[in-house]
Amino acid sequence: MQVHAVPPAIARAEAPQKQDSGLWRAAVALERQFLSEMLAAAGLGAPRQAFGGRNGEEQFASFLRDAQAGLLTEAGGIGLARVIHETLKERADAADD
């Protein structure tokens, strides 16, 4: 039995060409923020009632969500960055014409 390496995620978006890397960074940042807000809406990082929930826990929960959203985005995200990037690129190309 052979064990093969796990292939990279199918949804992983490859970095775009050099000329529009600023658009790519903006798209990835927007996906990261979207995922962070969705994690917050899902209740991730909400203070626990028993054995926790101190003042600092609620204040620093957003840092944890942001870090987790960043890791999700780096792992390929949900494909939102690619869609945003393509839309921004199309608009930038149309403006150049």
Protein backbone atom coordinates (compact mmCIF):
# COMPACT_ATOMS: atom_id res chain seq x y z
CA MET A 1 0.00 0.00 0.00
CA GLN A 2 1.37 3.37 -1.03
CA VAL A 3 0.68 6.54 0.86
CA HIS A 4 0.70 9.70 -1.21
CA ALA A 5 1.05 13.25 -0.04
CA VAL A 6 -2.17 15.15 0.38
CA PRO A 7 -2.70 17.31 -2.71
CA PRO A 8 -3.17 21.04 -2.20
CA ALA A 9 -6.72 22.21 -1.68
CA ILE A 10 -8.67 22.47 -4.91
CA ALA A 11 -10.12 25.80 -3.85
CA ARG A 12 -6.68 27.23 -3.11
CA ALA A 13 -6.35 30.36 -5.13
CA GLU A 14 -3.01 30.87 -6.76
CA ALA A 15 -1.39 34.25 -6.54
CA PRO A 16 -2.13 36.29 -9.63
CA GLN A 17 0.36 37.85 -11.97
CA LYS A 18 2.65 40.51 -10.64
CA GLN A 19 0.90 43.50 -12.23
CA ASP A 20 -2.33 43.04 -10.28
CA SER A 21 -0.93 41.75 -6.99
CA GLY A 22 -2.39 44.80 -5.21
CA LEU A 23 -5.85 43.74 -6.34
CA TRP A 24 -5.13 40.21 -5.13
CA ARG A 25 -4.05 41.42 -1.68
CA ALA A 26 -7.21 43.52 -1.41
CA ALA A 27 -9.38 40.54 -2.39
CA VAL A 28 -7.69 38.26 0.15
CA ALA A 29 -8.03 40.88 2.88
CA LEU A 30 -11.73 41.24 2.12
CA GLU A 31 -12.25 37.46 2.24
CA ARG A 32 -10.36 37.31 5.55
CA GLN A 33 -12.58 40.02 7.04
CA PHE A 34 -15.72 38.31 5.72
CA LEU A 35 -14.70 34.99 7.28
CA SER A 36 -13.92 36.72 10.58
CA GLU A 37 -17.39 38.27 10.65
CA MET A 38 -19.01 34.93 9.77
CA LEU A 39 -17.10 33.22 12.58
CA ALA A 40 -18.34 35.93 14.96
CA ALA A 41 -21.92 35.48 13.77
CA ALA A 42 -21.58 31.74 14.33
CA GLY A 43 -20.65 32.41 17.95
CA LEU A 44 -17.00 31.41 17.73
CA GLY A 45 -15.09 33.06 20.52
CA ALA A 46 -18.20 34.01 22.48
CA PRO A 47 -17.46 34.11 26.20
CA ARG A 48 -18.39 31.00 28.12
CA GLN A 49 -20.75 31.32 31.03
CA ALA A 50 -19.21 28.67 33.27
CA PHE A 51 -15.50 28.65 34.13
CA GLY A 52 -14.65 31.60 31.95
CA GLY A 53 -16.19 34.67 30.48
CA ARG A 54 -13.92 37.11 32.22
CA ASN A 55 -13.65 40.66 30.94
CA GLY A 56 -10.51 40.02 28.87
CA GLU A 57 -11.94 36.99 27.13
CA GLU A 58 -14.65 38.98 25.40
CA GLN A 59 -12.25 41.78 24.48
CA PHE A 60 -9.66 39.50 22.90
CA ALA A 61 -12.03 37.08 21.15
CA SER A 62 -11.85 39.17 17.97
CA PHE A 63 -8.09 38.60 17.78
CA LEU A 64 -8.64 34.84 17.85
CA ARG A 65 -11.33 35.04 15.16
CA ASP A 66 -9.11 37.22 12.97
CA ALA A 67 -6.23 34.77 13.31
CA GLN A 68 -8.47 31.82 12.49
CA ALA A 69 -9.95 33.65 9.50
CA GLY A 70 -6.41 34.39 8.31
CA LEU A 71 -5.48 30.72 8.52
CA LEU A 72 -8.64 29.75 6.65
CA THR A 73 -7.83 32.24 3.91
CA GLU A 74 -4.21 31.07 3.65
CA ALA A 75 -5.43 27.48 3.32
CA GLY A 76 -7.49 28.40 0.27
CA GLY A 77 -10.48 30.09 1.84
CA ILE A 78 -13.92 29.66 0.35
CA GLY A 79 -13.09 31.00 -3.10
CA LEU A 80 -14.41 34.47 -2.40
CA ALA A 81 -11.02 36.13 -2.94
CA ARG A 82 -10.77 34.69 -6.43
CA VAL A 83 -14.23 35.98 -7.40
CA ILE A 84 -13.51 39.41 -5.93
CA HIS A 85 -10.13 39.54 -7.67
CA GLU A 86 -11.60 38.64 -11.05
CA THR A 87 -14.30 41.30 -10.64
CA LEU A 88 -11.81 43.97 -9.61
CA LYS A 89 -9.52 43.04 -12.49
CA GLU A 90 -12.35 43.21 -15.02
CA ARG A 91 -13.33 46.66 -13.76
CA ALA A 92 -9.73 47.87 -13.81
CA ASP A 93 -9.27 46.56 -17.36
CA ALA A 94 -12.51 48.22 -18.48
CA ALA A 95 -11.36 51.52 -16.96
CA ASP A 96 -8.08 51.29 -18.89
CA ASP A 97 -9.88 50.90 -22.22
